[in-house]
C-alpha cells in the first residue's frame, strides 16, 4: 500500500511540476541598444541614463524580454508594476514585427489614458536604431543610436554608422 501511495505521489508531482518548468524563461542571446556603446555589464549598475538603453534577452523559441528604464517588457505576458516613490507603476506590454527588413518593437504603457507608446526600429544590417515616444496624437523628437553585443568586457566589431542626418523615417 505504501508503494502505491508513493507512486501516486510521484506521478502527481511530475504532472503538476511541468507547467512550472515550462514557464521558466531562459535567454539564448542578448544584445543592447543605446546612444553609445557600453564597455561592459558592470557599467549598467552605475548607468544614470538607463531610460535611453534597451537590453534585449531572446530565448531560443523567439520569446524575449527587453529591460528599459528598469521595466521588463515581456513578449509572453504583461508586466504590472505598483506605483512607488522611486519608480512609475503601470501595465506594460511589448510587441515585435518585421517591416521592410527592420525589427519594429512597440513598448506600451496600457494603464495610461491616452496610451503611452515607445516605438523602436532596429536596422540589423547597420546595427543602428531610431526610437520615438508618442502619447495619444503627440509625437516627441526621435532618438538615434547603435546596437551592440557584449563579448567578455567589450563588444563585437560592427559596420560603420550611416549618416543619421539623411536617414528618412
Protein backbone atom coordinates (compact mmCIF):
# COMPACT_ATOMS: atom_id res chain seq x y z
CA UNK A 1 0.00 0.00 0.00
CA UNK A 2 2.86 2.40 0.80
CA UNK A 3 4.45 1.73 -2.59
CA UNK A 4 1.16 2.59 -4.35
CA UNK A 5 0.88 5.88 -2.40
CA UNK A 6 4.49 6.71 -3.23
CA UNK A 7 3.95 6.04 -6.95
CA UNK A 8 0.77 8.15 -6.98
CA UNK A 9 2.58 10.99 -5.20
CA UNK A 10 5.44 10.85 -7.74
CA UNK A 11 3.03 10.89 -10.70
CA UNK A 12 1.04 13.84 -9.29
CA UNK A 13 4.25 15.76 -8.55
CA UNK A 14 5.59 15.24 -12.06
CA UNK A 15 2.28 16.15 -13.74
CA UNK A 16 1.85 19.39 -11.78
CA UNK A 17 5.53 20.38 -11.97
CA UNK A 18 5.61 20.53 -15.79
CA UNK A 19 3.69 23.85 -16.17
CA UNK A 20 6.06 25.49 -13.68
CA UNK A 21 9.15 24.22 -15.51
CA UNK A 22 7.76 25.19 -18.94
CA UNK A 23 7.12 28.81 -17.92
CA UNK A 24 10.74 29.50 -16.90
CA UNK A 25 12.40 31.97 -19.28
CA UNK A 26 15.97 31.22 -20.35
CA UNK A 27 17.66 33.55 -22.79
CA UNK A 28 19.88 32.23 -25.58
CA UNK A 29 21.19 35.54 -26.97
CA UNK A 30 21.46 39.09 -25.74
CA UNK A 31 22.29 42.49 -27.20
CA UNK A 32 21.97 46.14 -26.20
CA UNK A 33 20.88 49.30 -27.99
CA UNK A 34 21.67 52.77 -26.72
CA UNK A 35 23.09 56.20 -27.56
CA UNK A 36 26.66 54.97 -27.10
CA UNK A 37 28.44 51.67 -26.58
CA UNK A 38 28.98 50.42 -23.04
CA UNK A 39 32.32 48.85 -22.15
CA UNK A 40 30.86 46.02 -20.07
CA UNK A 41 27.93 44.91 -18.00
CA UNK A 42 29.42 46.39 -14.83
CA UNK A 43 28.67 49.86 -16.25
CA UNK A 44 24.94 49.11 -16.09
CA UNK A 45 24.93 49.35 -12.30
CA UNK A 46 26.21 52.93 -12.46
CA UNK A 47 24.31 53.94 -15.58
CA UNK A 48 22.30 57.09 -14.92
CA UNK A 49 20.68 57.22 -18.36
CA UNK A 50 19.00 53.80 -18.23
CA UNK A 51 15.95 55.25 -19.97
CA UNK A 52 17.93 55.51 -23.23
CA UNK A 53 19.19 51.88 -23.24
CA UNK A 54 17.39 48.70 -24.34
CA UNK A 55 18.77 45.40 -23.01
CA UNK A 56 17.42 42.52 -25.16
CA UNK A 57 17.29 38.91 -23.93
CA UNK A 58 15.99 36.47 -26.54
CA UNK A 59 15.10 32.82 -25.91
CA UNK A 60 15.69 30.01 -28.42
CA UNK A 61 11.94 29.82 -29.14
CA UNK A 62 11.75 33.54 -30.10
CA UNK A 63 10.22 34.83 -26.87
CA UNK A 64 12.03 37.86 -25.48
CA UNK A 65 12.37 40.25 -22.57
CA UNK A 66 13.62 43.82 -23.00
CA UNK A 67 14.85 45.77 -19.99
CA UNK A 68 14.32 49.51 -20.49
CA UNK A 69 14.15 52.15 -17.76
CA UNK A 70 14.11 49.36 -15.12
CA UNK A 71 10.95 47.84 -16.65
CA UNK A 72 10.98 44.28 -18.01
CA UNK A 73 8.87 44.22 -21.17
CA UNK A 74 7.95 40.57 -21.87
CA UNK A 75 6.70 39.23 -25.20
CA UNK A 76 4.76 36.45 -23.47
CA UNK A 77 2.90 38.37 -20.72
CA UNK A 78 2.08 41.82 -19.39
CA UNK A 79 4.29 43.41 -16.75
CA UNK A 80 2.45 45.04 -13.87
CA UNK A 81 4.32 47.40 -11.54
CA UNK A 82 2.98 49.07 -8.45
CA UNK A 83 3.47 52.84 -8.28
CA UNK A 84 6.38 53.58 -5.93
CA UNK A 85 8.17 56.74 -4.89
CA UNK A 86 11.25 55.68 -6.89
CA UNK A 87 9.51 54.03 -9.88
CA UNK A 88 6.45 54.67 -12.01
CA UNK A 89 3.80 51.98 -11.99
CA UNK A 90 1.57 50.69 -14.75
CA UNK A 91 0.76 47.78 -17.02
CA UNK A 92 3.40 47.35 -19.73
CA UNK A 93 3.42 45.28 -22.94
CA UNK A 94 5.73 44.83 -25.94
CA UNK A 95 5.17 43.61 -29.48
CA UNK A 96 7.56 42.90 -32.34
CA UNK A 97 7.17 42.70 -36.10
CA UNK A 98 9.43 42.84 -39.14
CA UNK A 99 8.79 45.69 -41.57
CA UNK A 100 10.93 46.09 -44.70
CA UNK A 101 13.74 44.07 -43.13
CA UNK A 102 13.76 46.12 -39.91
CA UNK A 103 12.68 44.90 -36.46
CA UNK A 104 9.94 47.15 -35.06
CA UNK A 105 9.28 46.96 -31.32
CA UNK A 106 6.36 48.76 -29.66
CA UNK A 107 6.61 49.29 -25.91
CA UNK A 108 3.30 50.35 -24.37
CA UNK A 109 2.00 51.50 -21.03
CA UNK A 110 -1.62 50.43 -21.44
CA UNK A 111 -2.68 51.65 -17.99
CA UNK A 112 -2.49 55.30 -19.03
CA UNK A 113 -5.08 57.26 -21.00
CA UNK A 114 -4.04 58.09 -23.65
CA UNK A 115 -1.78 55.08 -24.11
CA UNK A 116 1.96 55.80 -23.98
CA UNK A 117 3.87 54.10 -26.85
CA UNK A 118 7.62 53.97 -27.48
CA UNK A 119 8.45 52.66 -30.96
CA UNK A 120 11.94 51.27 -31.57
CA UNK A 121 13.07 50.44 -35.13
CA UNK A 122 16.30 48.42 -35.41
CA UNK A 123 18.24 48.08 -38.66
CA UNK A 124 20.04 44.76 -38.16
CA UNK A 125 22.43 45.34 -41.08
CA UNK A 126 23.92 48.59 -39.78
CA UNK A 127 23.22 47.83 -36.09
CA UNK A 128 21.54 51.21 -35.60
CA UNK A 129 18.12 52.24 -34.32
CA UNK A 130 15.67 55.09 -34.18
CA UNK A 131 13.08 55.44 -31.41
CA UNK A 132 10.19 57.79 -30.81
CA UNK A 133 7.70 58.21 -27.97
CA UNK A 134 4.09 59.11 -28.67
CA UNK A 135 1.28 59.86 -26.26
CA UNK A 136 -2.06 59.95 -27.98
CA UNK A 137 -1.66 62.23 -31.02
CA UNK A 138 1.52 63.89 -29.72
CA UNK A 139 4.84 62.60 -31.13
CA UNK A 140 8.11 63.50 -29.44
CA UNK A 141 11.52 64.05 -31.06
CA UNK A 142 13.13 60.81 -32.33
CA UNK A 143 16.33 59.42 -30.82
CA UNK A 144 19.10 57.57 -32.67
CA UNK A 145 21.74 55.13 -31.50
CA UNK A 146 23.67 51.93 -32.00
CA UNK A 147 23.17 48.27 -31.10
CA UNK A 148 25.99 46.08 -29.83
CA UNK A 149 26.72 42.68 -28.29
CA UNK A 150 28.85 42.02 -25.24
CA UNK A 151 31.87 39.76 -25.64
CA UNK A 152 33.70 39.41 -22.31
CA UNK A 153 34.18 43.06 -21.31
CA UNK A 154 33.76 44.68 -24.72
CA UNK A 155 31.61 44.32 -27.79
CA UNK A 156 31.99 42.78 -31.21
CA UNK A 157 33.08 44.91 -34.19
CA UNK A 158 30.27 46.38 -36.26
CA UNK A 159 29.82 48.17 -39.56
CA UNK A 160 30.31 51.96 -39.64
CA UNK A 161 27.28 54.05 -38.71
CA UNK A 162 25.30 55.63 -41.55
CA UNK A 163 24.91 59.38 -41.72
CA UNK A 164 21.84 59.79 -39.50
CA UNK A 165 21.11 63.30 -40.77
CA UNK A 166 19.93 61.94 -44.12
CA UNK A 167 18.03 58.97 -42.66
CA UNK A 168 14.38 59.25 -43.69
CA UNK A 169 11.64 57.95 -41.41
